[in-house]
Amino acid sequence: MKKILLSVSMLLALAFAPVSCDREKAEYGDGQQPVGTATGTLSLAAMTVVLSTETETHDAVVRPDAAAATSAPAASGRLQTAARAEAETTYTCTVTDAAGAAVAQFPYDRRPETLTLPAGAYTLTVESAEPKAAVWDDPVYAARQEVLIDRNATVEVGEVLCTPAAVGVALVFDPAFGTQSTATVDCGGEALAFTTTESRTGWFAVGTARTLTLTVEGTAGEGTPVSFTRRYTDVQAGQLYRFTVKGESLSAPDIEWVGHDTSQRYEANDELEAQIVVTAAAGIRAFTVEIISEEVLTPEVLDAVGLAPELDLVSPGDYKEPLEGLGFPTGEKVVGQTSVSFDISPFMPLIPLLGTGDSDFRLTVTDNEGQTTVASIMVHSTNGEAPEPEGPEEEYPGGDAKPLEPPHAGQPYPGGDAKPIHNTQKITTIR
């Protein structure tokens, strides 16, 4: 009887084996993971897409005499751009594995409730549209979330915040420009041309160089030709640059160390004068001082005197009194001013008292048109005090106590070791 049951079981197993293989192929398809692979679940049932219209704004006035290449103008705030309807049907969701291969793609409004995936690391990307090199008034919004699928576990996707995946440019011309003037902008790809009547915002995909290029061609005033190019480096997606183009020249801020060359280093003492004159035709918007000194004006020393390695003269906060005590202007004496003069000469003879080494005061001034100038007051200090002796006071040399007689056998030499005067010396005892 047992033999009969065993034979029947084997026949049933052979009969159903092809069906199991066919079912495996139907469920996973060719090239998919076979049955038995460790898998987990990505749950999309609670997923929601939220659109952020907030951008980091950068305002700058562009003139012919500005630097051809510069870092991005300082951020001037955050701006809520025009509200945009969250058309969920336009969002495309893509799931890619650790190798960057897409394992699933679907519209957001027709997303599956769950995805069964082999255990591993994945990236969920949500995009409002196919990225474009340049487009008017229609930025691409995107988001990326990293997810880790564990064996027999479920990972839920909740709120997905989509932010602008491009850099925006809004541009206006000074009325003095002729109507045929243009400003061409690109970010390493396709360019857009702004005319004097253009009111739209251009959005550009951020290229690998992260450089925004602006080229102005036209006339200003009484038909004077104007032609120049500006480049702004380190631009980022989600930023909005608002440029005002002017045709006349206006110099960037100037920092002068009266009677001295800011490219040279001087010895700090009671004879060194440090009178500083800063001019900014457009008015000062920001003024910072960075103190760089590895051996003298260290962060610990600065903290002890109420200062810090980086100081803001426009908004000094708790450092206002110590800064003014050293001769630096602050607050209203700086912001908006076209000329600022101050004298920090009394600070120069104090530096050698703190140690020997180099100390730099890096001054950075930005005007109301976004132009920045950097200059350094570089000094060297020498502390004249004799170094403290090392080791015990009675050791020679180094202390005040010195031997009255030449060293003898067993007496420490200057190196500290007991050595005989002569290796062959004999000691005779008289009784």
Protein backbone atom coordinates (compact mmCIF):
# COMPACT_ATOMS: atom_id res chain seq x y z
CA MET A 1 0.00 0.00 0.00
CA LYS A 2 2.81 2.41 0.90
CA LYS A 3 4.47 1.73 -2.45
CA ILE A 4 1.24 2.56 -4.27
CA LEU A 5 0.83 5.91 -2.42
CA LEU A 6 4.46 6.83 -3.16
CA SER A 7 4.00 6.10 -6.85
CA VAL A 8 0.83 8.19 -7.03
CA SER A 9 2.57 11.14 -5.31
CA MET A 10 5.43 11.03 -7.80
CA LEU A 11 3.02 10.97 -10.74
CA LEU A 12 1.09 13.97 -9.37
CA ALA A 13 4.33 15.91 -8.91
CA LEU A 14 5.38 15.24 -12.49
CA ALA A 15 1.92 16.15 -13.78
CA PHE A 16 1.83 19.56 -12.11
CA ALA A 17 5.48 20.51 -12.71
CA PRO A 18 4.87 22.14 -16.17
CA VAL A 19 1.90 24.10 -14.78
CA SER A 20 4.09 25.57 -12.01
CA CYS A 21 6.74 26.64 -14.52
CA ASP A 22 4.14 28.27 -16.75
CA ARG A 23 2.64 30.12 -13.78
CA GLU A 24 6.10 31.38 -12.82
CA LYS A 25 6.65 32.79 -16.30
CA ALA A 26 3.20 34.41 -16.38
CA GLU A 27 3.71 36.19 -13.05
CA TYR A 28 7.25 37.48 -13.54
CA GLY A 29 7.79 37.48 -17.30
CA ASP A 30 11.02 36.88 -19.12
CA GLY A 31 14.05 38.38 -17.45
CA GLN A 32 12.26 38.92 -14.11
CA GLN A 33 13.31 37.54 -10.76
CA PRO A 34 12.43 33.83 -10.32
CA VAL A 35 10.13 32.54 -7.62
CA GLY A 36 11.96 32.25 -4.33
CA THR A 37 13.99 35.50 -4.68
CA ALA A 38 13.90 37.67 -1.52
CA THR A 39 11.38 40.42 -2.19
CA GLY A 40 9.68 43.30 -0.40
CA THR A 41 6.83 45.68 -1.12
CA LEU A 42 6.79 49.36 -2.08
CA SER A 43 3.39 50.77 -1.08
CA LEU A 44 2.17 53.77 -3.12
CA ALA A 45 -1.43 53.88 -1.87
CA ALA A 46 -0.80 56.84 0.49
CA MET A 47 1.54 58.70 -1.88
CA THR A 48 0.76 62.40 -2.48
CA VAL A 49 2.60 64.94 -4.66
CA VAL A 50 3.01 68.46 -3.28
CA LEU A 51 4.30 71.28 -5.48
CA SER A 52 6.63 73.87 -3.97
CA THR A 53 6.67 77.21 -5.79
CA GLU A 54 9.22 78.82 -3.47
CA THR A 55 12.50 79.90 -5.05
CA GLU A 56 15.71 81.44 -3.73
CA THR A 57 15.99 84.87 -5.33
CA HIS A 58 19.22 86.61 -6.37
CA ASP A 59 19.02 90.27 -7.43
CA ALA A 60 21.81 91.97 -9.36
CA VAL A 61 22.35 95.00 -11.57
CA VAL A 62 24.38 94.18 -14.69
CA ARG A 63 26.66 96.84 -16.16
CA PRO A 64 29.34 96.92 -18.88
CA ASP A 65 32.25 97.40 -16.48
CA ALA A 66 31.48 94.55 -14.07
CA ALA A 67 33.67 91.47 -13.86
CA ALA A 68 33.22 89.13 -16.83
CA ALA A 69 33.00 86.07 -14.59
CA THR A 70 31.82 86.13 -11.00
CA SER A 71 30.18 84.01 -8.37
CA ALA A 72 26.43 84.18 -8.08
CA PRO A 73 25.10 87.36 -6.42
CA ALA A 74 24.15 86.87 -2.80
CA ALA A 75 20.67 85.54 -2.12
CA SER A 76 18.25 88.39 -1.42
CA GLY A 77 15.41 86.27 -0.06
CA ARG A 78 12.86 83.65 -0.96
CA LEU A 79 9.95 84.25 -3.30
CA GLN A 80 6.63 82.53 -3.80
CA THR A 81 6.28 82.33 -7.55
CA ALA A 82 2.89 82.31 -9.22
CA ALA A 83 0.73 79.45 -8.02
CA ARG A 84 0.52 76.55 -10.42
CA ALA A 85 -2.29 74.01 -10.53
CA GLU A 86 -1.18 70.60 -9.40
CA ALA A 87 -2.24 68.65 -12.47
CA GLU A 88 -1.57 65.22 -11.07
CA THR A 89 -1.97 63.53 -14.44
CA THR A 90 1.17 65.28 -15.75
CA TYR A 91 3.48 63.76 -13.14
CA THR A 92 5.55 60.77 -14.21
CA CYS A 93 6.92 58.39 -11.59
CA THR A 94 9.98 56.24 -12.24
CA VAL A 95 11.55 53.63 -9.97
CA THR A 96 15.19 52.83 -10.70
CA ASP A 97 17.47 50.27 -9.08
CA ALA A 98 20.95 50.81 -7.66
CA ALA A 99 22.46 50.44 -11.16
CA GLY A 100 20.21 53.21 -12.53
CA ALA A 101 18.01 50.88 -14.57
CA ALA A 102 14.29 51.64 -14.59
CA VAL A 103 12.26 48.81 -13.07
CA ALA A 104 8.87 50.58 -13.16
CA GLN A 105 7.37 53.73 -14.70
CA PHE A 106 3.80 55.00 -14.49
CA PRO A 107 1.69 58.20 -14.40
CA TYR A 108 1.06 59.45 -10.88
CA ASP A 109 -2.74 59.31 -11.25
CA ARG A 110 -2.58 55.68 -12.43
CA ARG A 111 0.03 54.42 -10.02
CA PRO A 112 -0.31 50.89 -8.63
CA GLU A 113 -1.12 50.55 -4.97
CA THR A 114 1.92 48.31 -4.44
CA LEU A 115 5.03 47.15 -6.25
CA THR A 116 6.79 43.89 -5.42
CA LEU A 117 10.53 44.36 -5.81
CA PRO A 118 13.64 42.32 -5.08
CA ALA A 119 15.27 43.45 -1.86
CA GLY A 120 17.71 46.32 -2.45
CA ALA A 121 18.12 50.08 -2.84
CA TYR A 122 15.89 52.05 -5.22
CA THR A 123 15.21 55.66 -6.22
CA LEU A 124 11.71 57.04 -6.79
CA THR A 125 11.77 60.03 -9.19
CA VAL A 126 8.71 62.22 -9.79
CA GLU A 127 8.78 64.78 -12.64
CA SER A 128 6.14 67.22 -13.86
CA ALA A 129 7.42 67.02 -17.45
CA GLU A 130 10.37 65.97 -19.54
CA PRO A 131 13.32 68.24 -18.61
CA LYS A 132 14.06 70.92 -21.23
CA ALA A 133 17.25 72.90 -21.83
CA ALA A 134 15.33 76.21 -21.87
CA VAL A 135 11.67 77.20 -21.73
CA TRP A 136 9.53 80.26 -21.03
CA ASP A 137 7.31 80.33 -17.91
CA ASP A 138 7.10 76.55 -17.58
CA PRO A 139 9.70 75.15 -15.19
CA VAL A 140 10.02 71.44 -14.59
CA TYR A 141 9.30 70.34 -11.03
CA ALA A 142 10.90 67.18 -9.72
CA ALA A 143 11.64 65.16 -6.60
CA ARG A 144 13.82 62.18 -5.72
CA GLN A 145 13.39 59.82 -2.80
CA GLU A 146 15.70 56.98 -1.84
CA VAL A 147 13.96 53.82 -0.64
CA LEU A 148 15.38 50.60 0.76
CA ILE A 149 13.36 47.42 0.20
CA ASP A 150 13.89 44.72 2.81
CA ARG A 151 12.93 41.09 2.51
CA ASN A 152 9.26 40.47 3.38
CA ALA A 153 8.86 44.10 4.49
CA THR A 154 6.66 46.96 3.22
CA VAL A 155 7.92 50.50 2.63
CA GLU A 156 5.25 53.20 2.37
CA VAL A 157 5.68 56.35 0.30
CA GLY A 158 3.96 59.40 1.78
CA GLU A 159 4.27 63.06 0.75
CA VAL A 160 6.61 63.81 -2.14
CA LEU A 161 7.68 67.47 -2.38
CA CYS A 162 8.48 68.59 -5.93
CA THR A 163 10.68 71.67 -6.31
CA PRO A 164 11.86 73.56 -9.42
CA ALA A 165 14.43 71.43 -11.25
CA ALA A 166 15.75 74.41 -13.24
CA VAL A 167 17.25 77.85 -12.67
CA GLY A 168 15.06 80.84 -13.48
CA VAL A 169 15.98 84.22 -15.00
CA ALA A 170 13.83 87.36 -15.02
CA LEU A 171 15.35 90.37 -16.75
CA VAL A 172 14.48 94.03 -17.28
CA PHE A 173 16.32 96.70 -19.28
CA ASP A 174 16.98 100.24 -18.18
CA PRO A 175 14.69 102.61 -20.17
CA ALA A 176 17.80 104.15 -21.72
CA PHE A 177 18.27 101.07 -23.93
CA GLY A 178 17.16 101.09 -27.53
CA THR A 179 14.19 98.93 -28.50
CA GLN A 180 16.34 96.61 -30.60
CA SER A 181 18.57 95.66 -27.64
CA THR A 182 18.65 92.05 -26.48
CA ALA A 183 20.06 89.95 -23.65
CA THR A 184 20.76 86.31 -24.50
CA VAL A 185 20.88 83.86 -21.59
CA ASP A 186 21.96 80.22 -21.45
CA CYS A 187 23.10 77.72 -18.85
CA GLY A 188 25.22 75.43 -20.97
CA GLY A 189 22.45 74.42 -23.37
CA GLU A 190 19.73 76.12 -25.42
CA ALA A 191 19.57 79.94 -25.07
CA LEU A 192 16.66 82.36 -24.69
CA ALA A 193 16.74 85.96 -25.95
CA PHE A 194 15.21 88.68 -23.76
CA THR A 195 14.00 91.84 -25.53
CA THR A 196 13.34 95.19 -23.90
CA THR A 197 9.63 94.31 -23.68
CA GLU A 198 10.02 90.72 -22.45
CA SER A 199 8.18 90.06 -19.17
CA ARG A 200 8.32 86.27 -19.02
CA THR A 201 10.69 84.23 -16.87
CA GLY A 202 13.12 81.90 -18.59
CA TRP A 203 13.90 78.53 -17.01
CA PHE A 204 17.10 76.66 -17.82
CA ALA A 205 18.35 73.16 -17.07
CA VAL A 206 21.47 73.44 -14.94
CA GLY A 207 24.41 72.13 -16.98
CA THR A 208 27.41 70.30 -15.61
CA ALA A 209 29.42 73.55 -15.53
CA ARG A 210 26.70 75.24 -13.42
CA THR A 211 27.45 78.51 -15.20
CA LEU A 212 24.84 81.05 -16.29
CA THR A 213 25.94 83.23 -19.23
CA LEU A 214 24.31 86.58 -20.10
CA THR A 215 25.26 88.47 -23.28
CA VAL A 216 23.93 91.99 -23.88
CA GLU A 217 23.87 93.58 -27.34
CA GLY A 218 22.27 96.91 -28.20
CA THR A 219 22.43 100.65 -27.75
CA ALA A 220 21.91 102.97 -24.80
CA GLY A 221 21.56 106.70 -24.25
CA GLU A 222 21.98 108.56 -27.53
CA GLY A 223 22.68 105.44 -29.55
CA THR A 224 25.92 104.46 -27.81
CA PRO A 225 26.75 100.81 -28.67
CA VAL A 226 26.65 98.44 -25.72
CA SER A 227 28.09 94.92 -25.84
CA PHE A 228 29.28 92.78 -22.95
CA THR A 229 29.04 89.29 -21.44
CA ARG A 230 28.68 88.21 -17.84
CA ARG A 231 29.03 84.73 -16.38
CA TYR A 232 27.75 83.59 -13.01
CA THR A 233 29.17 80.39 -11.55
CA ASP A 234 27.84 77.81 -9.13
CA VAL A 235 24.18 78.30 -10.03
CA GLN A 236 21.72 75.80 -8.57
CA ALA A 237 18.32 74.43 -9.49
CA GLY A 238 15.56 76.24 -7.62
CA GLN A 239 17.25 79.65 -7.82
CA LEU A 240 15.71 82.70 -9.52
CA TYR A 241 18.00 85.46 -10.83
CA ARG A 242 16.42 88.88 -11.33
CA PHE A 243 18.73 91.03 -13.45
CA THR A 244 18.45 94.74 -14.17
CA VAL A 245 20.54 95.64 -17.23
CA LYS A 246 22.04 99.12 -17.38
CA GLY A 247 24.10 100.68 -20.14
CA GLU A 248 26.30 103.10 -18.24
CA SER A 249 29.37 102.15 -16.26
CA LEU A 250 29.45 102.12 -12.48
CA SER A 251 32.55 100.86 -10.74
CA ALA A 252 32.56 98.06 -8.20
CA PRO A 253 33.43 98.80 -4.56
CA ASP A 254 37.01 99.82 -3.83
CA ILE A 255 38.98 98.99 -0.67
CA GLU A 256 42.08 101.10 0.02
CA TRP A 257 44.66 100.67 2.79
CA VAL A 258 45.96 104.22 2.84
CA GLY A 259 49.67 104.35 2.06
CA HIS A 260 49.99 100.58 1.76
CA ASP A 261 49.64 97.78 -0.79
CA THR A 262 46.98 95.19 0.09
CA SER A 263 48.98 92.54 -1.76
CA GLN A 264 51.90 92.93 0.69
CA ARG A 265 52.39 91.88 4.32
CA TYR A 266 53.60 94.37 6.95
CA GLU A 267 55.05 94.05 10.45
CA ALA A 268 52.45 94.85 13.10
CA ASN A 269 53.81 97.33 15.67
CA ASP A 270 53.08 100.74 17.17
CA GLU A 271 54.38 102.45 14.02
CA LEU A 272 52.10 100.64 11.53
CA GLU A 273 49.15 102.78 10.47
CA ALA A 274 45.98 101.01 9.33
CA GLN A 275 43.59 103.56 7.88
CA ILE A 276 40.99 101.98 5.60
CA VAL A 277 38.82 103.75 3.01
CA VAL A 278 35.94 101.92 1.30
CA THR A 279 34.01 103.49 -1.59
CA ALA A 280 30.93 102.07 -3.29
CA ALA A 281 29.12 104.24 -5.82
CA ALA A 282 26.00 102.07 -5.61
CA GLY A 283 26.01 102.05 -1.81
CA ILE A 284 27.18 99.30 0.53
CA ARG A 285 24.82 96.37 1.01
CA ALA A 286 27.12 93.95 2.85
CA PHE A 287 30.47 94.28 4.62
CA THR A 288 32.17 91.36 6.39
CA VAL A 289 35.54 90.86 8.07
CA GLU A 290 37.18 87.43 8.25
CA ILE A 291 40.12 87.07 10.63
CA ILE A 292 42.54 84.37 9.49
CA SER A 293 45.38 83.54 11.89
CA GLU A 294 46.58 80.06 12.81
CA GLU A 295 49.01 81.03 15.58
CA VAL A 296 48.10 84.48 16.89
CA LEU A 297 44.45 85.53 16.58
CA THR A 298 43.07 82.04 17.00
CA PRO A 299 39.35 81.44 17.61
CA GLU A 300 40.12 80.93 21.32
CA VAL A 301 41.97 84.25 21.55
CA LEU A 302 39.24 86.09 19.63
CA ASP A 303 36.55 84.63 21.86
CA ALA A 304 38.44 85.84 24.92
CA VAL A 305 38.31 89.44 23.65
CA GLY A 306 34.69 89.23 22.53
CA LEU A 307 35.25 88.63 18.80
CA ALA A 308 34.86 85.80 16.28
CA PRO A 309 36.70 84.64 13.13
CA GLU A 310 33.85 85.95 10.93
CA LEU A 311 32.20 89.30 11.65
CA ASP A 312 29.35 91.16 9.94
CA LEU A 313 29.72 94.95 10.12
CA VAL A 314 26.19 95.57 8.80
CA SER A 315 24.53 93.29 11.37
CA PRO A 316 27.16 92.83 14.12
CA GLY A 317 24.81 91.55 16.83
CA ASP A 318 26.66 90.95 20.11
CA TYR A 319 29.96 91.96 18.50
CA LYS A 320 28.94 95.59 17.94
CA GLU A 321 30.68 97.02 21.03
CA PRO A 322 33.99 95.09 20.67
CA LEU A 323 34.16 95.96 16.96
CA GLU A 324 33.59 99.65 17.52
CA GLY A 325 36.13 99.56 20.36
CA LEU A 326 38.75 98.44 17.83
CA GLY A 327 37.80 101.14 15.33
CA PHE A 328 35.44 99.25 12.97
CA PRO A 329 32.19 100.99 11.90
CA THR A 330 28.94 99.04 12.20
CA GLY A 331 25.25 99.16 11.33
CA GLU A 332 23.96 102.44 9.91
CA LYS A 333 27.50 103.76 9.60
CA VAL A 334 28.03 101.11 6.91
CA VAL A 335 24.82 100.02 5.15
CA GLY A 336 23.81 102.24 2.23
CA GLN A 337 26.93 104.40 2.53
CA THR A 338 28.91 105.28 -0.58
CA SER A 339 32.08 105.97 1.40
CA VAL A 340 33.29 104.61 4.74
CA SER A 341 36.60 105.44 6.45
CA PHE A 342 37.95 103.93 9.66
CA ASP A 343 41.24 103.60 11.52
CA ILE A 344 42.32 100.39 13.26
CA SER A 345 45.90 101.55 13.88
CA PRO A 346 45.54 101.27 17.70
CA PHE A 347 44.95 97.53 17.25
CA MET A 348 48.28 96.95 15.47
CA PRO A 349 50.64 97.14 18.52
CA LEU A 350 48.36 94.78 20.45
CA ILE A 351 48.76 91.92 17.99
CA PRO A 352 52.44 91.12 18.85
CA LEU A 353 51.44 90.75 22.50
CA LEU A 354 49.31 87.77 21.48
CA GLY A 355 52.02 85.83 19.69
CA THR A 356 54.29 85.43 16.67
CA GLY A 357 52.89 84.66 13.21
CA ASP A 358 50.77 85.92 10.31
CA SER A 359 47.32 87.45 10.66
CA ASP A 360 44.99 88.43 7.80
CA PHE A 361 41.90 90.63 7.96
CA ARG A 362 39.93 89.75 4.84
CA LEU A 363 37.45 92.52 3.98
CA THR A 364 34.53 91.66 1.66
CA VAL A 365 32.28 94.46 0.44
CA THR A 366 29.16 94.00 -1.73
CA ASP A 367 27.27 96.98 -3.15
CA ASN A 368 23.56 97.38 -3.84
CA GLU A 369 24.04 96.15 -7.40
CA GLY A 370 25.56 92.84 -6.36
CA GLN A 371 29.17 93.73 -7.18
CA THR A 372 31.69 92.33 -4.68
CA THR A 373 35.27 93.35 -3.88
CA VAL A 374 37.66 91.48 -1.58
CA ALA A 375 40.92 92.80 -0.11
CA SER A 376 43.09 91.74 2.84
CA ILE A 377 45.01 93.64 5.50
CA MET A 378 47.97 91.27 6.00
CA VAL A 379 50.37 91.66 8.93
CA HIS A 380 53.08 89.68 10.69
CA SER A 381 53.68 89.93 14.42
CA THR A 382 56.71 89.06 16.52
CA ASN A 383 56.40 88.51 20.23
CA GLY A 384 59.62 89.89 21.80
CA GLU A 385 59.41 88.05 25.10
CA ALA A 386 62.15 85.48 25.78
CA PRO A 387 60.93 81.88 25.61
CA GLU A 388 60.30 80.12 28.89
CA PRO A 389 63.13 77.71 29.84
CA GLU A 390 62.39 74.04 29.54
CA GLY A 391 63.15 71.50 32.27
CA PRO A 392 64.15 72.01 35.94
CA GLU A 393 65.59 75.40 36.89
CA GLU A 394 68.76 73.83 38.25
CA GLU A 395 69.56 72.12 34.98
CA TYR A 396 72.31 73.75 32.94
CA PRO A 397 71.91 75.58 30.66
CA GLY A 398 68.46 77.20 30.86
CA GLY A 399 68.13 78.21 34.51
CA ASP A 400 69.68 80.89 36.65
CA ALA A 401 71.55 78.33 38.75
CA LYS A 402 74.80 77.44 36.96
CA PRO A 403 77.73 75.29 38.15
CA LEU A 404 80.68 77.19 39.59
CA GLU A 405 83.14 74.47 38.69
CA PRO A 406 83.62 72.40 35.55
CA PRO A 407 81.59 69.23 35.44
CA HIS A 408 83.05 66.22 37.12
CA ALA A 409 82.39 62.53 36.95
CA GLY A 410 78.78 61.64 37.59
CA GLN A 411 77.54 65.22 37.18
CA PRO A 412 74.83 65.73 34.52
CA TYR A 413 76.05 67.28 31.32
CA PRO A 414 73.82 69.80 29.50
CA GLY A 415 72.06 66.86 27.85
CA GLY A 416 71.01 65.54 31.26
CA ASP A 417 72.93 62.22 31.22
CA ALA A 418 75.56 61.36 33.85
CA LYS A 419 78.88 60.69 32.06
CA PRO A 420 82.49 60.40 33.26
CA ILE A 421 84.98 63.04 32.12
CA HIS A 422 87.52 60.39 31.00
CA ASN A 423 86.76 56.76 30.39
CA THR A 424 90.17 55.76 31.90
CA GLN A 425 89.99 57.96 35.02
CA LYS A 426 90.92 56.17 38.23
CA ILE A 427 89.74 57.10 41.71
CA THR A 428 92.25 56.67 44.55
CA THR A 429 91.07 56.56 48.13
CA ILE A 430 93.52 57.90 50.80
CA ARG A 431 93.10 56.37 54.16
